[in-house]
Amino acid sequence: WVEQEYLFQEDKWEFIYNPTLGAAYEL
């Protein structure tokens, strides 16, 4: 998961990552 954010007030781009990983078991 990645994001690109343009902030109006600061007139700049930020480049974000949000990786996830998990496991679930069906009881």
PDB file of all heavy atoms in Angstrom:
ATOM      1  N   TRP A   1       0.846  -1.196   0.000  1.00  0.00           N
ATOM      2  CA  TRP A   1       0.000   0.000   0.000  1.00  0.00           C
ATOM      3  C   TRP A   1       0.883   1.248   0.000  1.00  0.00           C
ATOM      4  O   TRP A   1       1.740   1.414   0.868  1.00  0.00           O
ATOM      5  CB  TRP A   1      -0.879  -0.077   1.235  1.00  0.00           C
ATOM      6  CG  TRP A   1      -1.742   1.061   1.603  1.00  0.00           C
ATOM      7  CD1 TRP A   1      -1.889   2.259   0.991  1.00  0.00           C
ATOM      8  CD2 TRP A   1      -2.612   1.092   2.728  1.00  0.00           C
ATOM      9  NE1 TRP A   1      -2.790   3.046   1.651  1.00  0.00           N
ATOM     10  CE2 TRP A   1      -3.256   2.345   2.726  1.00  0.00           C
ATOM     11  CE3 TRP A   1      -2.917   0.183   3.741  1.00  0.00           C
ATOM     12  CZ2 TRP A   1      -4.180   2.711   3.704  1.00  0.00           C
ATOM     13  CZ3 TRP A   1      -3.839   0.548   4.717  1.00  0.00           C
ATOM     14  CH2 TRP A   1      -4.472   1.801   4.677  1.00  0.00           C
ATOM     15  N   VAL A   2       0.665   2.117  -0.979  1.00  0.00           N
ATOM     16  CA  VAL A   2       1.401   3.385  -1.046  1.00  0.00           C
ATOM     17  C   VAL A   2       0.419   4.526  -1.326  1.00  0.00           C
ATOM     18  O   VAL A   2      -0.679   4.308  -1.854  1.00  0.00           O
ATOM     19  CB  VAL A   2       2.497   3.367  -2.126  1.00  0.00           C
ATOM     20  CG1 VAL A   2       3.587   2.380  -1.766  1.00  0.00           C
ATOM     21  CG2 VAL A   2       1.916   3.059  -3.504  1.00  0.00           C
ATOM     22  N   GLU A   3       0.818   5.742  -0.936  1.00  0.00           N
ATOM     23  CA  GLU A   3      -0.001   6.933  -1.158  1.00  0.00           C
ATOM     24  C   GLU A   3       0.890   8.083  -1.628  1.00  0.00           C
ATOM     25  O   GLU A   3       2.070   8.151  -1.282  1.00  0.00           O
ATOM     26  CB  GLU A   3      -0.698   7.379   0.131  1.00  0.00           C
ATOM     27  CG  GLU A   3      -1.687   6.402   0.708  1.00  0.00           C
ATOM     28  CD  GLU A   3      -2.325   6.936   1.984  1.00  0.00           C
ATOM     29  OE1 GLU A   3      -2.368   8.181   2.158  1.00  0.00           O
ATOM     30  OE2 GLU A   3      -2.755   6.126   2.817  1.00  0.00           O
ATOM     31  N   GLN A   4       0.268   8.977  -2.395  1.00  0.00           N
ATOM     32  CA  GLN A   4       0.896  10.243  -2.760  1.00  0.00           C
ATOM     33  C   GLN A   4      -0.062  11.352  -2.325  1.00  0.00           C
ATOM     34  O   GLN A   4      -1.228  11.349  -2.715  1.00  0.00           O
ATOM     35  CB  GLN A   4       1.149  10.329  -4.264  1.00  0.00           C
ATOM     36  CG  GLN A   4       1.979   9.185  -4.823  1.00  0.00           C
ATOM     37  CD  GLN A   4       1.145   7.948  -5.129  1.00  0.00           C
ATOM     38  OE1 GLN A   4       0.077   8.054  -5.723  1.00  0.00           O
ATOM     39  NE2 GLN A   4       1.609   6.785  -4.715  1.00  0.00           N
ATOM     40  N   GLU A   5       0.425  12.259  -1.499  1.00  0.00           N
ATOM     41  CA  GLU A   5      -0.421  13.308  -0.918  1.00  0.00           C
ATOM     42  C   GLU A   5       0.105  14.685  -1.317  1.00  0.00           C
ATOM     43  O   GLU A   5       1.284  14.975  -1.112  1.00  0.00           O
ATOM     44  CB  GLU A   5      -0.442  13.188   0.611  1.00  0.00           C
ATOM     45  CG  GLU A   5      -0.933  11.835   1.115  1.00  0.00           C
ATOM     46  CD  GLU A   5      -0.869  11.716   2.620  1.00  0.00           C
ATOM     47  OE1 GLU A   5      -0.325  12.655   3.270  1.00  0.00           O
ATOM     48  OE2 GLU A   5      -1.356  10.712   3.167  1.00  0.00           O
ATOM     49  N   TYR A   6      -0.773  15.497  -1.891  1.00  0.00           N
ATOM     50  CA  TYR A   6      -0.408  16.881  -2.212  1.00  0.00           C
ATOM     51  C   TYR A   6      -1.060  17.805  -1.192  1.00  0.00           C
ATOM     52  O   TYR A   6      -2.283  17.863  -1.076  1.00  0.00           O
ATOM     53  CB  TYR A   6      -0.863  17.269  -3.616  1.00  0.00           C
ATOM     54  CG  TYR A   6      -0.579  18.723  -3.926  1.00  0.00           C
ATOM     55  CD1 TYR A   6       0.731  19.175  -4.039  1.00  0.00           C
ATOM     56  CD2 TYR A   6      -1.614  19.638  -4.075  1.00  0.00           C
ATOM     57  CE1 TYR A   6       1.014  20.508  -4.297  1.00  0.00           C
ATOM     58  CE2 TYR A   6      -1.352  20.975  -4.351  1.00  0.00           C
ATOM     59  CZ  TYR A   6      -0.038  21.404  -4.457  1.00  0.00           C
ATOM     60  OH  TYR A   6       0.231  22.723  -4.707  1.00  0.00           O
ATOM     61  N   LEU A   7      -0.247  18.519  -0.405  1.00  0.00           N
ATOM     62  CA  LEU A   7      -0.726  19.409   0.643  1.00  0.00           C
ATOM     63  C   LEU A   7      -0.847  20.822   0.074  1.00  0.00           C
ATOM     64  O   LEU A   7       0.161  21.432  -0.318  1.00  0.00           O
ATOM     65  CB  LEU A   7       0.227  19.394   1.841  1.00  0.00           C
ATOM     66  CG  LEU A   7       0.191  18.151   2.743  1.00  0.00           C
ATOM     67  CD1 LEU A   7       0.732  16.917   2.024  1.00  0.00           C
ATOM     68  CD2 LEU A   7       0.957  18.385   4.030  1.00  0.00           C
ATOM     69  N   PHE A   8      -2.092  21.341   0.033  1.00  0.00           N
ATOM     70  CA  PHE A   8      -2.333  22.652  -0.565  1.00  0.00           C
ATOM     71  C   PHE A   8      -1.539  23.764   0.118  1.00  0.00           C
ATOM     72  O   PHE A   8      -0.850  24.555  -0.523  1.00  0.00           O
ATOM     73  CB  PHE A   8      -3.824  23.010  -0.479  1.00  0.00           C
ATOM     74  CG  PHE A   8      -4.739  22.027  -1.136  1.00  0.00           C
ATOM     75  CD1 PHE A   8      -5.918  21.658  -0.521  1.00  0.00           C
ATOM     76  CD2 PHE A   8      -4.435  21.489  -2.368  1.00  0.00           C
ATOM     77  CE1 PHE A   8      -6.779  20.777  -1.126  1.00  0.00           C
ATOM     78  CE2 PHE A   8      -5.291  20.593  -2.984  1.00  0.00           C
ATOM     79  CZ  PHE A   8      -6.472  20.235  -2.354  1.00  0.00           C
ATOM     80  N   GLN A   9      -1.667  23.841   1.445  1.00  0.00           N
ATOM     81  CA  GLN A   9      -1.135  24.987   2.176  1.00  0.00           C
ATOM     82  C   GLN A   9       0.393  25.025   2.145  1.00  0.00           C
ATOM     83  O   GLN A   9       0.991  26.092   2.222  1.00  0.00           O
ATOM     84  CB  GLN A   9      -1.649  24.958   3.616  1.00  0.00           C
ATOM     85  CG  GLN A   9      -3.172  25.111   3.708  1.00  0.00           C
ATOM     86  CD  GLN A   9      -3.676  24.974   5.128  1.00  0.00           C
ATOM     87  OE1 GLN A   9      -2.912  24.692   6.042  1.00  0.00           O
ATOM     88  NE2 GLN A   9      -4.974  25.183   5.316  1.00  0.00           N
ATOM     89  N   GLU A  10       1.011  23.861   2.041  1.00  0.00           N
ATOM     90  CA  GLU A  10       2.475  23.810   2.020  1.00  0.00           C
ATOM     91  C   GLU A  10       3.022  23.670   0.609  1.00  0.00           C
ATOM     92  O   GLU A  10       4.244  23.728   0.415  1.00  0.00           O
ATOM     93  CB  GLU A  10       2.946  22.647   2.886  1.00  0.00           C
ATOM     94  CG  GLU A  10       2.501  22.769   4.336  1.00  0.00           C
ATOM     95  CD  GLU A  10       2.939  21.574   5.158  1.00  0.00           C
ATOM     96  OE1 GLU A  10       4.118  21.181   5.048  1.00  0.00           O
ATOM     97  OE2 GLU A  10       2.112  21.037   5.912  1.00  0.00           O
ATOM     98  N   ASP A  11       2.141  23.454  -0.361  1.00  0.00           N
ATOM     99  CA  ASP A  11       2.531  23.322  -1.769  1.00  0.00           C
ATOM    100  C   ASP A  11       3.642  22.280  -1.926  1.00  0.00           C
ATOM    101  O   ASP A  11       4.711  22.553  -2.498  1.00  0.00           O
ATOM    102  CB  ASP A  11       2.979  24.671  -2.337  1.00  0.00           C
ATOM    103  CG  ASP A  11       3.180  24.625  -3.848  1.00  0.00           C
ATOM    104  OD1 ASP A  11       2.561  23.754  -4.496  1.00  0.00           O
ATOM    105  OD2 ASP A  11       3.955  25.447  -4.367  1.00  0.00           O
ATOM    106  N   LYS A  12       3.379  21.079  -1.421  1.00  0.00           N
ATOM    107  CA  LYS A  12       4.383  20.024  -1.541  1.00  0.00           C
ATOM    108  C   LYS A  12       3.707  18.653  -1.597  1.00  0.00           C
ATOM    109  O   LYS A  12       2.552  18.493  -1.207  1.00  0.00           O
ATOM    110  CB  LYS A  12       5.368  20.064  -0.373  1.00  0.00           C
ATOM    111  CG  LYS A  12       4.789  19.611   0.955  1.00  0.00           C
ATOM    112  CD  LYS A  12       5.878  19.538   2.026  1.00  0.00           C
ATOM    113  CE  LYS A  12       5.332  18.974   3.333  1.00  0.00           C
ATOM    114  NZ  LYS A  12       6.390  18.843   4.358  1.00  0.00           N
ATOM    115  N   TRP A  13       4.459  17.674  -2.091  1.00  0.00           N
ATOM    116  CA  TRP A  13       4.008  16.292  -2.158  1.00  0.00           C
ATOM    117  C   TRP A  13       4.675  15.488  -1.054  1.00  0.00           C
ATOM    118  O   TRP A  13       5.836  15.718  -0.719  1.00  0.00           O
ATOM    119  CB  TRP A  13       4.356  15.671  -3.506  1.00  0.00           C
ATOM    120  CG  TRP A  13       3.488  16.123  -4.633  1.00  0.00           C
ATOM    121  CD1 TRP A  13       3.681  17.201  -5.448  1.00  0.00           C
ATOM    122  CD2 TRP A  13       2.284  15.497  -5.068  1.00  0.00           C
ATOM    123  NE1 TRP A  13       2.676  17.295  -6.372  1.00  0.00           N
ATOM    124  CE2 TRP A  13       1.795  16.258  -6.172  1.00  0.00           C
ATOM    125  CE3 TRP A  13       1.557  14.379  -4.662  1.00  0.00           C
ATOM    126  CZ2 TRP A  13       0.631  15.925  -6.840  1.00  0.00           C
ATOM    127  CZ3 TRP A  13       0.394  14.047  -5.326  1.00  0.00           C
ATOM    128  CH2 TRP A  13      -0.064  14.804  -6.407  1.00  0.00           C
ATOM    129  N   GLU A  14       3.917  14.526  -0.492  1.00  0.00           N
ATOM    130  CA  GLU A  14       4.478  13.548   0.432  1.00  0.00           C
ATOM    131  C   GLU A  14       4.197  12.157  -0.124  1.00  0.00           C
ATOM    132  O   GLU A  14       3.129  11.910  -0.701  1.00  0.00           O
ATOM    133  CB  GLU A  14       3.873  13.693   1.827  1.00  0.00           C
ATOM    134  CG  GLU A  14       4.295  14.967   2.540  1.00  0.00           C
ATOM    135  CD  GLU A  14       3.836  14.996   3.997  1.00  0.00           C
ATOM    136  OE1 GLU A  14       3.029  14.113   4.385  1.00  0.00           O
ATOM    137  OE2 GLU A  14       4.283  15.907   4.721  1.00  0.00           O
ATOM    138  N   PHE A  15       5.155  11.242   0.074  1.00  0.00           N
ATOM    139  CA  PHE A  15       5.052   9.894  -0.466  1.00  0.00           C
ATOM    140  C   PHE A  15       5.068   8.910   0.708  1.00  0.00           C
ATOM    141  O   PHE A  15       6.068   8.804   1.426  1.00  0.00           O
ATOM    142  CB  PHE A  15       6.184   9.635  -1.456  1.00  0.00           C
ATOM    143  CG  PHE A  15       6.153  10.596  -2.628  1.00  0.00           C
ATOM    144  CD1 PHE A  15       6.875  11.788  -2.574  1.00  0.00           C
ATOM    145  CD2 PHE A  15       5.379  10.330  -3.741  1.00  0.00           C
ATOM    146  CE1 PHE A  15       6.840  12.685  -3.640  1.00  0.00           C
ATOM    147  CE2 PHE A  15       5.330  11.220  -4.802  1.00  0.00           C
ATOM    148  CZ  PHE A  15       6.057  12.399  -4.752  1.00  0.00           C
ATOM    149  N   ILE A  16       3.943   8.222   0.891  1.00  0.00           N
ATOM    150  CA  ILE A  16       3.666   7.439   2.094  1.00  0.00           C
ATOM    151  C   ILE A  16       3.585   5.961   1.756  1.00  0.00           C
ATOM    152  O   ILE A  16       3.153   5.580   0.665  1.00  0.00           O
ATOM    153  CB  ILE A  16       2.327   7.896   2.721  1.00  0.00           C
ATOM    154  CG1 ILE A  16       2.316   9.419   2.937  1.00  0.00           C
ATOM    155  CG2 ILE A  16       2.051   7.159   4.021  1.00  0.00           C
ATOM    156  CD1 ILE A  16       3.367   9.922   3.881  1.00  0.00           C
ATOM    157  N   TYR A  17       3.999   5.114   2.714  1.00  0.00           N
ATOM    158  CA  TYR A  17       3.743   3.673   2.581  1.00  0.00           C
ATOM    159  C   TYR A  17       3.000   3.185   3.829  1.00  0.00           C
ATOM    160  O   TYR A  17       3.232   3.658   4.946  1.00  0.00           O
ATOM    161  CB  TYR A  17       5.050   2.889   2.383  1.00  0.00           C
ATOM    162  CG  TYR A  17       6.137   3.158   3.387  1.00  0.00           C
ATOM    163  CD1 TYR A  17       6.200   2.478   4.600  1.00  0.00           C
ATOM    164  CD2 TYR A  17       7.139   4.098   3.109  1.00  0.00           C
ATOM    165  CE1 TYR A  17       7.213   2.723   5.506  1.00  0.00           C
ATOM    166  CE2 TYR A  17       8.157   4.344   4.014  1.00  0.00           C
ATOM    167  CZ  TYR A  17       8.184   3.645   5.210  1.00  0.00           C
ATOM    168  OH  TYR A  17       9.187   3.892   6.114  1.00  0.00           O
ATOM    169  N   ASN A  18       2.080   2.229   3.624  1.00  0.00           N
ATOM    170  CA  ASN A  18       1.239   1.687   4.698  1.00  0.00           C
ATOM    171  C   ASN A  18       1.092   0.161   4.544  1.00  0.00           C
ATOM    172  O   ASN A  18      -0.016  -0.334   4.326  1.00  0.00           O
ATOM    173  CB  ASN A  18      -0.152   2.309   4.664  1.00  0.00           C
ATOM    174  CG  ASN A  18      -0.157   3.807   4.834  1.00  0.00           C
ATOM    175  OD1 ASN A  18      -0.121   4.312   5.940  1.00  0.00           O
ATOM    176  ND2 ASN A  18      -0.200   4.521   3.718  1.00  0.00           N
ATOM    177  N   PRO A  19       2.157  -0.618   4.616  1.00  0.00           N
ATOM    178  CA  PRO A  19       2.017  -2.064   4.413  1.00  0.00           C
ATOM    179  C   PRO A  19       1.225  -2.727   5.543  1.00  0.00           C
ATOM    180  O   PRO A  19       1.260  -2.282   6.695  1.00  0.00           O
ATOM    181  CB  PRO A  19       3.468  -2.549   4.404  1.00  0.00           C
ATOM    182  CG  PRO A  19       4.189  -1.558   5.265  1.00  0.00           C
ATOM    183  CD  PRO A  19       3.538  -0.239   4.977  1.00  0.00           C
ATOM    184  N   THR A  20       0.515  -3.793   5.207  1.00  0.00           N
ATOM    185  CA  THR A  20      -0.206  -4.582   6.202  1.00  0.00           C
ATOM    186  C   THR A  20       0.090  -6.063   5.980  1.00  0.00           C
ATOM    187  O   THR A  20       0.376  -6.493   4.863  1.00  0.00           O
ATOM    188  CB  THR A  20      -1.727  -4.366   6.129  1.00  0.00           C
ATOM    189  OG1 THR A  20      -2.261  -5.076   4.998  1.00  0.00           O
ATOM    190  CG2 THR A  20      -2.081  -2.900   6.006  1.00  0.00           C
ATOM    191  N   LEU A  21      -0.010  -6.845   7.056  1.00  0.00           N
ATOM    192  CA  LEU A  21       0.195  -8.289   6.989  1.00  0.00           C
ATOM    193  C   LEU A  21      -0.514  -8.918   8.177  1.00  0.00           C
ATOM    194  O   LEU A  21      -0.368  -8.449   9.317  1.00  0.00           O
ATOM    195  CB  LEU A  21       1.692  -8.623   7.035  1.00  0.00           C
ATOM    196  CG  LEU A  21       2.058 -10.106   7.061  1.00  0.00           C
ATOM    197  CD1 LEU A  21       1.645 -10.787   5.760  1.00  0.00           C
ATOM    198  CD2 LEU A  21       3.555 -10.284   7.323  1.00  0.00           C
ATOM    199  N   GLY A  22      -1.291  -9.972   7.923  1.00  0.00           N
ATOM    200  CA  GLY A  22      -1.981 -10.604   9.035  1.00  0.00           C
ATOM    201  C   GLY A  22      -2.597 -11.935   8.652  1.00  0.00           C
ATOM    202  O   GLY A  22      -2.657 -12.306   7.480  1.00  0.00           O
ATOM    203  N   ALA A  23      -3.066 -12.646   9.684  1.00  0.00           N
ATOM    204  CA  ALA A  23      -3.709 -13.944   9.495  1.00  0.00           C
ATOM    205  C   ALA A  23      -4.905 -14.040  10.421  1.00  0.00           C
ATOM    206  O   ALA A  23      -4.880 -13.534  11.550  1.00  0.00           O
ATOM    207  CB  ALA A  23      -2.723 -15.077   9.775  1.00  0.00           C
ATOM    208  N   ALA A  24      -5.963 -14.690   9.957  1.00  0.00           N
ATOM    209  CA  ALA A  24      -7.156 -14.919  10.755  1.00  0.00           C
ATOM    210  C   ALA A  24      -7.590 -16.371  10.594  1.00  0.00           C
ATOM    211  O   ALA A  24      -7.459 -16.954   9.503  1.00  0.00           O
ATOM    212  CB  ALA A  24      -8.280 -13.981  10.329  1.00  0.00           C
ATOM    213  N   TYR A  25      -8.113 -16.950  11.670  1.00  0.00           N
ATOM    214  CA  TYR A  25      -8.599 -18.330  11.634  1.00  0.00           C
ATOM    215  C   TYR A  25     -10.095 -18.350  11.897  1.00  0.00           C
ATOM    216  O   TYR A  25     -10.580 -17.722  12.854  1.00  0.00           O
ATOM    217  CB  TYR A  25      -7.876 -19.191  12.667  1.00  0.00           C
ATOM    218  CG  TYR A  25      -8.309 -20.636  12.614  1.00  0.00           C
ATOM    219  CD1 TYR A  25      -7.940 -21.448  11.549  1.00  0.00           C
ATOM    220  CD2 TYR A  25      -9.116 -21.171  13.616  1.00  0.00           C
ATOM    221  CE1 TYR A  25      -8.352 -22.771  11.491  1.00  0.00           C
ATOM    222  CE2 TYR A  25      -9.528 -22.487  13.563  1.00  0.00           C
ATOM    223  CZ  TYR A  25      -9.145 -23.292  12.494  1.00  0.00           C
ATOM    224  OH  TYR A  25      -9.554 -24.599  12.435  1.00  0.00           O
ATOM    225  N   GLU A  26     -10.830 -19.062  11.069  1.00  0.00           N
ATOM    226  CA  GLU A  26     -12.283 -19.148  11.184  1.00  0.00           C
ATOM    227  C   GLU A  26     -12.648 -20.208  12.218  1.00  0.00           C
ATOM    228  O   GLU A  26     -12.565 -21.413  11.959  1.00  0.00           O
ATOM    229  CB  GLU A  26     -12.882 -19.494   9.817  1.00  0.00           C
ATOM    230  CG  GLU A  26     -14.386 -19.397   9.768  1.00  0.00           C
ATOM    231  CD  GLU A  26     -14.919 -19.619   8.365  1.00  0.00           C
ATOM    232  OE1 GLU A  26     -15.025 -20.796   7.955  1.00  0.00           O
ATOM    233  OE2 GLU A  26     -15.221 -18.619   7.677  1.00  0.00           O
ATOM    234  N   LEU A  27     -13.078 -19.766  13.392  1.00  0.00           N
ATOM    235  CA  LEU A  27     -13.477 -20.686  14.458  1.00  0.00           C
ATOM    236  C   LEU A  27     -14.762 -21.414  14.088  1.00  0.00           C
ATOM    237  O   LEU A  27     -14.914 -22.617  14.340  1.00  0.00           O
ATOM    238  CB  LEU A  27     -13.661 -19.926  15.768  1.00  0.00           C
ATOM    239  CG  LEU A  27     -12.445 -19.153  16.284  1.00  0.00           C
ATOM    240  CD1 LEU A  27     -12.821 -18.331  17.502  1.00  0.00           C
ATOM    241  CD2 LEU A  27     -11.302 -20.108  16.605  1.00  0.00           C
TER     242      LEU A  27
END
